[in-house]
Amino acid sequence: MSLPDYVFIVDAEVDAEVEAAWNHWYNAVHLPEITACPGFRQSARYVSERDGIRHYVALYELDGPQALDSPEFQQRRGWREFSGRVRWTSRLCRRIVP
């Protein structure tokens, strides 16, 4: 298995009242539209739960950091109607090559 050189990670916690609708939107709309941006190769979502709180993580494999600067990504990023109902962080990680 070959691991990517660049990964963009989004970690989110969502208000319970909108969680089901947010998950549907993220899976059906947001993940595919972001993955279709130039420089994005593939993506996957994960969830963890601790003490009744769910954290959702989306991993995006990138060609490089320039993928985050594309007009397509800049236009599509964000939470739309869920803005204010999601607490999140994101970071770009580069693989360490010895």
C-alpha atoms as a PDB file:
ATOM      1  CA  MET A   1       0.000   0.000   0.000  1.00  0.00           C
ATOM      2  CA  SER A   2       1.323   3.387  -0.992  1.00  0.00           C
ATOM      3  CA  LEU A   3       0.539   6.282   1.308  1.00  0.00           C
ATOM      4  CA  PRO A   4       0.057   9.817  -0.054  1.00  0.00           C
ATOM      5  CA  ASP A   5       2.584  12.623   0.299  1.00  0.00           C
ATOM      6  CA  TYR A   6      -0.115  15.177   1.232  1.00  0.00           C
ATOM      7  CA  VAL A   7      -3.284  14.742   3.268  1.00  0.00           C
ATOM      8  CA  PHE A   8      -5.824  17.431   4.142  1.00  0.00           C
ATOM      9  CA  ILE A   9      -7.671  16.577   7.364  1.00  0.00           C
ATOM     10  CA  VAL A  10     -10.956  18.084   8.545  1.00  0.00           C
ATOM     11  CA  ASP A  11     -12.144  17.215  12.066  1.00  0.00           C
ATOM     12  CA  ALA A  12     -15.710  18.218  12.962  1.00  0.00           C
ATOM     13  CA  GLU A  13     -18.166  17.979  15.817  1.00  0.00           C
ATOM     14  CA  VAL A  14     -21.793  18.680  14.837  1.00  0.00           C
ATOM     15  CA  ASP A  15     -24.834  19.763  16.836  1.00  0.00           C
ATOM     16  CA  ALA A  16     -27.021  16.706  17.457  1.00  0.00           C
ATOM     17  CA  GLU A  17     -30.128  18.443  16.072  1.00  0.00           C
ATOM     18  CA  VAL A  18     -28.618  18.665  12.568  1.00  0.00           C
ATOM     19  CA  GLU A  19     -26.273  15.671  12.642  1.00  0.00           C
ATOM     20  CA  ALA A  20     -28.355  13.341  10.440  1.00  0.00           C
ATOM     21  CA  ALA A  21     -29.010  16.028   7.811  1.00  0.00           C
ATOM     22  CA  TRP A  22     -25.354  17.150   7.921  1.00  0.00           C
ATOM     23  CA  ASN A  23     -24.118  13.586   7.414  1.00  0.00           C
ATOM     24  CA  HIS A  24     -26.447  13.130   4.450  1.00  0.00           C
ATOM     25  CA  TRP A  25     -25.290  16.419   2.883  1.00  0.00           C
ATOM     26  CA  TYR A  26     -21.625  15.663   3.559  1.00  0.00           C
ATOM     27  CA  ASN A  27     -21.808  12.182   2.014  1.00  0.00           C
ATOM     28  CA  ALA A  28     -24.063  12.993  -0.947  1.00  0.00           C
ATOM     29  CA  VAL A  29     -22.960  16.541  -1.827  1.00  0.00           C
ATOM     30  CA  HIS A  30     -19.922  17.910  -0.058  1.00  0.00           C
ATOM     31  CA  LEU A  31     -17.463  15.008  -0.148  1.00  0.00           C
ATOM     32  CA  PRO A  32     -17.964  14.391  -3.897  1.00  0.00           C
ATOM     33  CA  GLU A  33     -17.791  18.108  -4.794  1.00  0.00           C
ATOM     34  CA  ILE A  34     -14.592  18.668  -2.817  1.00  0.00           C
ATOM     35  CA  THR A  35     -12.992  15.474  -4.128  1.00  0.00           C
ATOM     36  CA  ALA A  36     -13.737  16.680  -7.683  1.00  0.00           C
ATOM     37  CA  CYS A  37     -11.611  19.827  -7.151  1.00  0.00           C
ATOM     38  CA  PRO A  38      -8.304  20.025  -9.052  1.00  0.00           C
ATOM     39  CA  GLY A  39      -5.468  18.426  -7.105  1.00  0.00           C
ATOM     40  CA  PHE A  40      -7.728  16.253  -4.940  1.00  0.00           C
ATOM     41  CA  ARG A  41      -7.253  12.527  -5.603  1.00  0.00           C
ATOM     42  CA  GLN A  42      -9.564  10.667  -3.241  1.00  0.00           C
ATOM     43  CA  SER A  43     -11.291  11.030   0.100  1.00  0.00           C
ATOM     44  CA  ALA A  44     -12.811   9.107   2.977  1.00  0.00           C
ATOM     45  CA  ARG A  45     -14.762   9.884   6.144  1.00  0.00           C
ATOM     46  CA  TYR A  46     -14.386   8.376   9.599  1.00  0.00           C
ATOM     47  CA  VAL A  47     -16.161   8.793  12.912  1.00  0.00           C
ATOM     48  CA  SER A  48     -15.104   8.207  16.497  1.00  0.00           C
ATOM     49  CA  GLU A  49     -17.202   8.429  19.622  1.00  0.00           C
ATOM     50  CA  ARG A  50     -16.153   9.095  23.177  1.00  0.00           C
ATOM     51  CA  ASP A  51     -18.401   9.941  26.094  1.00  0.00           C
ATOM     52  CA  GLY A  52     -21.369  10.252  23.725  1.00  0.00           C
ATOM     53  CA  ILE A  53     -19.664  12.857  21.531  1.00  0.00           C
ATOM     54  CA  ARG A  54     -18.997  12.034  17.893  1.00  0.00           C
ATOM     55  CA  HIS A  55     -16.047  13.446  15.973  1.00  0.00           C
ATOM     56  CA  TYR A  56     -16.111  13.177  12.215  1.00  0.00           C
ATOM     57  CA  VAL A  57     -12.869  13.177  10.270  1.00  0.00           C
ATOM     58  CA  ALA A  58     -12.582  13.626   6.520  1.00  0.00           C
ATOM     59  CA  LEU A  59      -9.271  12.745   4.871  1.00  0.00           C
ATOM     60  CA  TYR A  60      -8.447  14.078   1.439  1.00  0.00           C
ATOM     61  CA  GLU A  61      -5.444  12.888  -0.547  1.00  0.00           C
ATOM     62  CA  LEU A  62      -3.896  15.831  -2.428  1.00  0.00           C
ATOM     63  CA  ASP A  63      -1.388  16.264  -5.233  1.00  0.00           C
ATOM     64  CA  GLY A  64       0.142  19.070  -3.178  1.00  0.00           C
ATOM     65  CA  PRO A  65      -0.661  22.151  -1.109  1.00  0.00           C
ATOM     66  CA  GLN A  66      -1.665  24.143  -4.219  1.00  0.00           C
ATOM     67  CA  ALA A  67      -4.906  22.115  -4.340  1.00  0.00           C
ATOM     68  CA  LEU A  68      -6.177  24.205  -1.422  1.00  0.00           C
ATOM     69  CA  ASP A  69      -5.678  27.413  -3.449  1.00  0.00           C
ATOM     70  CA  SER A  70      -7.803  26.435  -6.458  1.00  0.00           C
ATOM     71  CA  PRO A  71     -10.870  28.584  -7.210  1.00  0.00           C
ATOM     72  CA  GLU A  72     -13.029  25.441  -7.195  1.00  0.00           C
ATOM     73  CA  PHE A  73     -11.980  24.487  -3.676  1.00  0.00           C
ATOM     74  CA  GLN A  74     -12.323  28.049  -2.390  1.00  0.00           C
ATOM     75  CA  GLN A  75     -15.866  28.215  -3.793  1.00  0.00           C
ATOM     76  CA  ARG A  76     -16.990  24.826  -2.435  1.00  0.00           C
ATOM     77  CA  ARG A  77     -15.444  24.820   1.033  1.00  0.00           C
ATOM     78  CA  GLY A  78     -17.578  25.659   4.052  1.00  0.00           C
ATOM     79  CA  TRP A  79     -20.637  24.373   5.846  1.00  0.00           C
ATOM     80  CA  ARG A  80     -23.421  26.204   3.964  1.00  0.00           C
ATOM     81  CA  GLU A  81     -26.715  25.846   5.828  1.00  0.00           C
ATOM     82  CA  PHE A  82     -24.900  24.119   8.708  1.00  0.00           C
ATOM     83  CA  SER A  83     -22.643  27.095   9.386  1.00  0.00           C
ATOM     84  CA  GLY A  84     -22.633  27.846  13.089  1.00  0.00           C
ATOM     85  CA  ARG A  85     -23.706  24.275  13.913  1.00  0.00           C
ATOM     86  CA  VAL A  86     -20.277  22.698  13.283  1.00  0.00           C
ATOM     87  CA  ARG A  87     -17.116  23.098  15.333  1.00  0.00           C
ATOM     88  CA  TRP A  88     -14.135  22.124  13.248  1.00  0.00           C
ATOM     89  CA  THR A  89     -10.437  22.273  12.579  1.00  0.00           C
ATOM     90  CA  SER A  90      -8.458  21.523   9.443  1.00  0.00           C
ATOM     91  CA  ARG A  91      -4.826  20.985   8.646  1.00  0.00           C
ATOM     92  CA  LEU A  92      -2.598  20.020   5.762  1.00  0.00           C
ATOM     93  CA  CYS A  93      -0.103  17.261   6.533  1.00  0.00           C
ATOM     94  CA  ARG A  94       2.984  16.437   4.522  1.00  0.00           C
ATOM     95  CA  ARG A  95       4.535  12.993   4.724  1.00  0.00           C
ATOM     96  CA  ILE A  96       7.977  12.918   6.272  1.00  0.00           C
ATOM     97  CA  VAL A  97      10.388  11.236   3.917  1.00  0.00           C
ATOM     98  CA  PRO A  98      13.739  10.277   5.471  1.00  0.00           C
END
